N, C-alpha and C. Protein backbone atom coordinates (compact mmCIF):
# COMPACT_ATOMS: atom_id res chain seq x y z
N MET A 1 0.78 -1.17 -0.35
CA MET A 1 -0.04 -0.17 0.04
C MET A 1 0.84 1.39 0.65
N TYR A 2 0.66 2.39 -0.62
CA TYR A 2 1.27 3.37 -1.32
C TYR A 2 1.05 4.39 0.34
N ASP A 3 2.33 4.74 0.57
CA ASP A 3 1.94 5.81 1.60
C ASP A 3 1.69 7.53 1.05
N PHE A 4 0.51 7.92 0.90
CA PHE A 4 0.32 9.11 0.49
C PHE A 4 0.60 10.41 1.75
N SER A 5 0.96 10.26 2.55
CA SER A 5 1.01 11.31 3.74
C SER A 5 3.05 12.27 3.19
N LYS A 6 4.18 11.49 2.39
CA LYS A 6 4.66 11.79 2.27
C LYS A 6 4.77 12.52 0.97
N PHE A 7 3.93 12.40 0.06
CA PHE A 7 3.50 12.97 -1.18
C PHE A 7 2.93 14.39 -1.14
N THR A 8 1.91 14.13 -0.01
CA THR A 8 0.98 15.23 0.34
C THR A 8 2.16 16.13 1.00
N LEU A 9 2.91 15.89 1.94
CA LEU A 9 4.04 16.88 2.27
C LEU A 9 4.87 17.34 1.38
N LEU A 10 4.98 16.50 0.33
CA LEU A 10 6.35 16.98 -0.67
C LEU A 10 5.30 17.91 -1.63
N GLN A 11 4.18 17.77 -2.03
CA GLN A 11 3.56 18.26 -3.15
C GLN A 11 2.96 20.22 -2.29
N ALA A 12 3.05 19.67 -1.03
CA ALA A 12 2.60 21.52 0.23
C ALA A 12 4.00 21.76 0.33
N LEU A 13 4.86 21.48 0.42
CA LEU A 13 6.25 22.14 0.02
C LEU A 13 6.90 23.15 -1.14
N LEU A 14 6.19 21.86 -2.31
CA LEU A 14 6.13 22.30 -3.47
C LEU A 14 5.60 23.23 -3.82
N ILE A 15 4.45 23.24 -2.94
CA ILE A 15 3.13 24.55 -4.07
C ILE A 15 3.28 25.91 -3.04
N GLY A 16 4.36 25.06 -1.60
CA GLY A 16 4.32 26.95 -0.76
C GLY A 16 5.39 27.08 -1.64
N PHE A 17 6.92 26.74 -1.80
CA PHE A 17 8.00 27.17 -2.96
C PHE A 17 7.25 27.85 -4.21
N LEU A 18 6.88 27.21 -5.37
CA LEU A 18 6.15 27.78 -6.16
C LEU A 18 5.14 29.13 -5.72
N VAL A 19 4.62 29.29 -4.62
CA VAL A 19 3.93 30.57 -4.45
C VAL A 19 4.88 31.56 -4.17
N GLY A 20 5.94 31.29 -3.29
CA GLY A 20 6.53 32.62 -3.04
C GLY A 20 7.13 32.74 -3.92
N LEU A 21 7.52 32.33 -5.37
CA LEU A 21 8.36 33.03 -6.45
C LEU A 21 8.15 34.26 -6.90
N PRO A 22 6.65 34.83 -7.05
CA PRO A 22 6.30 35.87 -7.54
C PRO A 22 6.63 36.88 -6.22
N PHE A 23 6.39 36.40 -4.41
CA PHE A 23 7.16 37.64 -3.79
C PHE A 23 8.68 38.63 -4.70
N VAL A 24 9.83 36.83 -4.94
CA VAL A 24 10.59 36.96 -5.46
C VAL A 24 10.77 38.19 -6.89
N ALA A 25 10.10 37.78 -7.92
CA ALA A 25 9.75 39.32 -8.52
C ALA A 25 9.29 40.71 -8.38
N ILE A 26 8.59 40.27 -7.50
CA ILE A 26 7.86 41.87 -6.67
C ILE A 26 9.19 42.47 -5.82
N GLY A 27 10.12 41.71 -5.06
CA GLY A 27 10.77 42.36 -3.89
C GLY A 27 12.03 42.61 -5.06
N PHE A 28 11.98 42.69 -6.15
CA PHE A 28 13.37 42.85 -6.56
C PHE A 28 13.01 44.04 -8.17
N THR A 29 12.02 44.01 -8.37
CA THR A 29 11.08 44.88 -9.25
C THR A 29 10.64 45.87 -9.22
N LEU A 30 10.05 45.94 -7.85
CA LEU A 30 9.22 47.03 -7.09
C LEU A 30 9.31 47.41 -5.17
N SER A 31 10.20 47.00 -5.11
CA SER A 31 10.70 47.17 -3.51
C SER A 31 11.12 49.06 -3.86
N ASP A 32 11.19 49.58 -4.24
CA ASP A 32 11.43 50.97 -4.53
C ASP A 32 10.35 51.95 -4.37
N PHE A 33 9.29 51.44 -5.53
CA PHE A 33 8.73 51.78 -5.64
C PHE A 33 7.45 51.69 -4.34
N LEU A 34 7.80 50.32 -3.56
CA LEU A 34 6.45 50.35 -2.50
C LEU A 34 7.10 50.98 -1.10
N ILE A 35 8.78 51.02 -1.56
CA ILE A 35 8.90 51.67 0.10
C ILE A 35 9.16 53.44 -0.39
N ALA A 36 9.15 54.27 -1.47
CA ALA A 36 8.70 55.48 -2.03
C ALA A 36 7.65 56.44 -1.52
N VAL A 37 6.36 55.16 -2.33
CA VAL A 37 5.32 55.10 -2.28
C VAL A 37 4.69 55.96 -1.09
N LEU A 38 5.39 55.19 0.46
CA LEU A 38 4.93 55.53 1.94
C LEU A 38 5.17 57.32 1.90
N GLY A 39 6.42 57.42 1.03
CA GLY A 39 7.00 59.28 1.27
C GLY A 39 8.07 59.32 2.03
N ALA A 40 9.30 58.15 1.93
CA ALA A 40 10.51 58.54 2.77
C ALA A 40 11.41 58.98 1.99
N GLU A 41 12.65 59.66 2.82
CA GLU A 41 13.33 60.38 2.18
C GLU A 41 14.15 59.25 0.79
N ARG A 42 15.23 60.10 0.22
CA ARG A 42 15.75 58.90 -0.57
C ARG A 42 16.78 57.95 -0.41
N ASP A 43 17.33 58.59 0.76
CA ASP A 43 18.37 57.27 1.45
C ASP A 43 17.76 56.64 2.17
N VAL A 44 16.30 56.93 2.37
CA VAL A 44 15.36 55.47 3.12
C VAL A 44 14.78 54.89 2.34
N VAL A 45 14.68 55.49 1.33
CA VAL A 45 14.01 54.15 0.07
C VAL A 45 15.39 53.59 -0.57
N ARG A 46 16.18 53.76 -1.03
CA ARG A 46 17.46 53.34 -0.60
C ARG A 46 17.73 52.21 -0.11
N MET A 47 17.61 52.54 1.07
CA MET A 47 18.45 50.97 2.38
C MET A 47 17.07 50.10 2.34
N GLY A 48 15.91 50.96 2.93
CA GLY A 48 14.57 50.12 3.01
C GLY A 48 14.95 49.15 1.99
N ALA A 49 14.43 49.57 0.55
CA ALA A 49 14.42 49.19 -0.82
C ALA A 49 14.84 47.48 -0.18
N ARG A 50 16.50 47.70 -0.49
CA ARG A 50 17.50 46.91 -0.08
C ARG A 50 17.18 46.19 0.52
N TYR A 51 16.47 46.30 1.81
CA TYR A 51 16.34 45.32 2.80
C TYR A 51 14.70 44.33 2.84
N LEU A 52 13.31 44.95 1.79
CA LEU A 52 12.50 44.53 1.09
C LEU A 52 12.42 43.51 0.11
N ALA A 53 13.94 44.22 -0.78
CA ALA A 53 13.80 43.24 -1.66
C ALA A 53 14.79 41.84 -0.95
N LEU A 54 14.98 41.87 0.00
CA LEU A 54 15.66 40.45 0.71
C LEU A 54 15.49 39.29 1.34
N VAL A 55 14.61 40.83 2.14
CA VAL A 55 13.00 39.91 3.01
C VAL A 55 11.85 38.93 1.57
N PHE A 56 11.87 39.98 0.64
CA PHE A 56 11.32 38.84 -0.23
C PHE A 56 11.65 37.60 -0.81
N ALA A 57 13.07 37.83 -1.52
CA ALA A 57 14.48 37.38 -2.25
C ALA A 57 14.54 35.63 -1.23
N ALA A 58 13.57 36.18 0.26
CA ALA A 58 13.37 34.89 1.16
C ALA A 58 12.38 34.15 1.32
N ALA A 59 11.26 34.51 1.31
CA ALA A 59 9.92 34.55 0.78
C ALA A 59 9.59 33.21 0.39
N PRO A 60 10.05 32.41 -0.31
CA PRO A 60 9.83 31.00 -0.62
C PRO A 60 10.19 29.89 0.14
N LEU A 61 12.09 30.07 0.28
CA LEU A 61 11.86 29.05 2.19
C LEU A 61 11.13 29.51 3.15
N ARG A 62 10.68 30.91 3.50
CA ARG A 62 9.68 31.02 4.35
C ARG A 62 8.59 30.25 4.48
N ILE A 63 8.02 30.28 3.26
CA ILE A 63 7.03 29.19 3.14
C ILE A 63 7.21 28.25 3.88
N VAL A 64 8.16 27.57 2.47
CA VAL A 64 8.52 26.23 2.97
C VAL A 64 8.60 25.86 3.89
N ALA A 65 9.65 26.87 5.26
CA ALA A 65 9.79 26.52 6.87
C ALA A 65 8.62 26.25 7.54
N LEU A 66 7.41 27.49 6.97
CA LEU A 66 6.41 27.55 7.44
C LEU A 66 5.69 26.41 7.74
N VAL A 67 5.13 26.00 6.37
CA VAL A 67 5.17 24.65 5.62
C VAL A 67 5.11 23.41 6.49
N GLY A 68 6.45 23.15 6.49
CA GLY A 68 7.40 22.84 7.06
C GLY A 68 6.78 22.02 8.49
N ALA A 69 6.98 23.76 9.53
CA ALA A 69 6.55 23.48 11.06
C ALA A 69 5.43 23.26 11.02
N HIS A 70 4.05 23.68 10.33
CA HIS A 70 2.79 23.10 10.25
C HIS A 70 2.32 21.77 10.36
N SER A 71 3.32 21.52 9.51
CA SER A 71 2.97 19.89 9.48
C SER A 71 3.77 19.05 10.34
N LEU A 72 4.48 19.51 10.50
CA LEU A 72 4.69 18.49 11.99
C LEU A 72 4.18 18.96 13.51
N GLN A 73 3.38 20.20 13.16
CA GLN A 73 2.49 20.47 14.14
C GLN A 73 0.92 19.70 13.92
N GLY A 74 1.50 19.84 12.76
CA GLY A 74 -0.37 18.68 12.69
C GLY A 74 -0.16 17.08 13.50
N THR A 75 1.13 16.66 13.29
CA THR A 75 1.25 15.49 13.28
C THR A 75 1.80 14.64 14.47
N SER A 76 1.40 16.42 15.92
CA SER A 76 1.46 16.03 17.10
C SER A 76 2.90 16.59 17.61
N ASP A 77 3.86 17.17 16.27
CA ASP A 77 5.40 17.11 17.32
C ASP A 77 5.15 18.36 16.82
N THR A 78 4.98 18.91 18.53
CA THR A 78 5.67 20.54 18.31
C THR A 78 6.60 21.06 19.12
N ARG A 79 7.70 20.08 19.36
CA ARG A 79 8.80 20.16 19.78
C ARG A 79 9.38 20.79 19.05
N THR A 80 10.09 20.22 17.82
CA THR A 80 10.53 19.83 16.88
C THR A 80 10.74 21.29 16.13
N PRO A 81 9.04 22.18 16.00
CA PRO A 81 9.34 23.61 15.11
C PRO A 81 10.06 24.06 16.77
N LEU A 82 9.61 24.16 17.51
CA LEU A 82 10.15 25.61 18.80
C LEU A 82 10.91 25.33 18.96
N VAL A 83 12.51 23.72 18.76
CA VAL A 83 13.36 24.38 18.50
C VAL A 83 14.58 24.78 17.75
N VAL A 84 13.09 24.42 16.23
CA VAL A 84 14.23 25.27 14.98
C VAL A 84 13.86 26.62 15.26
N ASN A 85 12.46 27.15 16.08
CA ASN A 85 12.15 28.50 15.45
C ASN A 85 13.07 29.26 16.82
N GLY A 86 13.61 28.30 17.85
CA GLY A 86 14.44 28.85 19.12
C GLY A 86 15.68 29.07 18.42
N LEU A 87 16.16 28.27 17.72
CA LEU A 87 18.19 28.18 17.24
C LEU A 87 17.57 28.93 16.13
N ALA A 88 16.90 29.71 15.35
CA ALA A 88 16.91 30.59 14.40
C ALA A 88 17.19 32.25 14.99
N ASN A 89 15.83 32.30 16.16
CA ASN A 89 16.26 33.42 16.81
C ASN A 89 17.16 33.60 17.40
N VAL A 90 17.79 32.67 18.22
CA VAL A 90 19.09 32.64 18.81
C VAL A 90 20.54 33.28 17.36
N VAL A 91 20.50 32.65 16.17
CA VAL A 91 21.11 33.03 15.10
C VAL A 91 20.83 34.95 14.83
N ASN A 92 19.66 34.36 14.70
CA ASN A 92 19.04 36.18 14.49
C ASN A 92 19.85 37.34 15.15
N ILE A 93 19.72 37.14 16.46
CA ILE A 93 20.48 38.26 17.82
C ILE A 93 21.63 38.17 18.10
N PHE A 94 22.42 37.00 17.49
CA PHE A 94 23.60 37.28 16.95
C PHE A 94 24.61 37.65 15.77
N ALA A 95 23.74 37.28 14.43
CA ALA A 95 24.48 38.08 13.64
C ALA A 95 23.74 39.84 13.92
N THR A 96 22.63 40.34 14.21
CA THR A 96 22.79 41.32 13.99
C THR A 96 22.86 42.47 15.39
N ILE A 97 23.09 41.45 16.29
CA ILE A 97 24.02 42.55 17.58
C ILE A 97 25.47 41.54 17.97
N GLY A 98 25.41 40.34 17.98
CA GLY A 98 26.31 39.92 18.18
C GLY A 98 28.33 40.44 17.56
N LEU A 99 27.20 40.16 15.88
CA LEU A 99 28.70 40.25 15.19
C LEU A 99 28.28 41.79 14.93
N GLY A 100 27.59 42.20 14.89
CA GLY A 100 27.91 44.03 15.42
C GLY A 100 27.21 44.21 13.08
N LEU A 101 26.56 43.82 12.94
CA LEU A 101 26.21 43.54 11.61
C LEU A 101 25.29 45.04 11.14
N GLY A 102 24.98 45.17 12.48
CA GLY A 102 23.51 46.42 12.39
C GLY A 102 22.80 46.11 11.48
N LEU A 103 22.57 46.92 10.30
CA LEU A 103 21.26 46.82 9.10
C LEU A 103 21.41 45.64 8.26
N MET A 104 22.69 45.21 8.45
CA MET A 104 22.98 43.73 7.68
C MET A 104 22.92 42.19 7.91
N GLY A 105 23.31 42.63 9.61
CA GLY A 105 22.35 41.76 10.15
C GLY A 105 20.26 42.00 10.67
N SER A 106 19.97 42.54 10.56
CA SER A 106 18.79 42.39 9.86
C SER A 106 18.58 41.97 8.78
N TYR A 107 18.90 42.33 7.37
CA TYR A 107 18.85 41.42 6.09
C TYR A 107 19.17 39.87 6.45
N VAL A 108 20.34 39.41 7.13
CA VAL A 108 20.47 38.04 7.28
C VAL A 108 19.48 37.21 8.22
N SER A 109 19.55 38.37 9.40
CA SER A 109 17.84 38.14 10.09
C SER A 109 16.48 37.77 9.68
N ALA A 110 15.91 38.82 8.52
CA ALA A 110 14.94 38.27 8.19
C ALA A 110 14.92 37.24 7.30
N SER A 111 16.23 37.17 6.24
CA SER A 111 16.50 36.03 5.30
C SER A 111 16.08 34.67 5.88
N SER A 112 17.22 34.71 7.30
CA SER A 112 17.15 32.98 7.62
C SER A 112 15.32 32.52 9.21
N GLY A 113 14.90 33.73 9.18
CA GLY A 113 13.42 32.99 9.99
C GLY A 113 13.06 33.87 10.30
């Protein structure tokens, strides 16, 4: 008998990744406009657009991570997503503050987790 649960999970992860791809295109093409439309100054638009483009670039992988975490939670394994998210937060804090990367650390944090 074929186990459809693995196929279903793979399908959900693939769909999540594919749904995130348009966000990459939006981030790379419209990030300047999306920040400028808020009325920000030129320097703010430049830095904000870089940040927003990186956040959008990581969208497919973030969606896959969410699908994976919720799939595990659906099987009553709530500990693994908790540990993974906790470690990701530690990496985020270390990249932002510990390495002294400032805004670049925020980029890393936004894309990793």
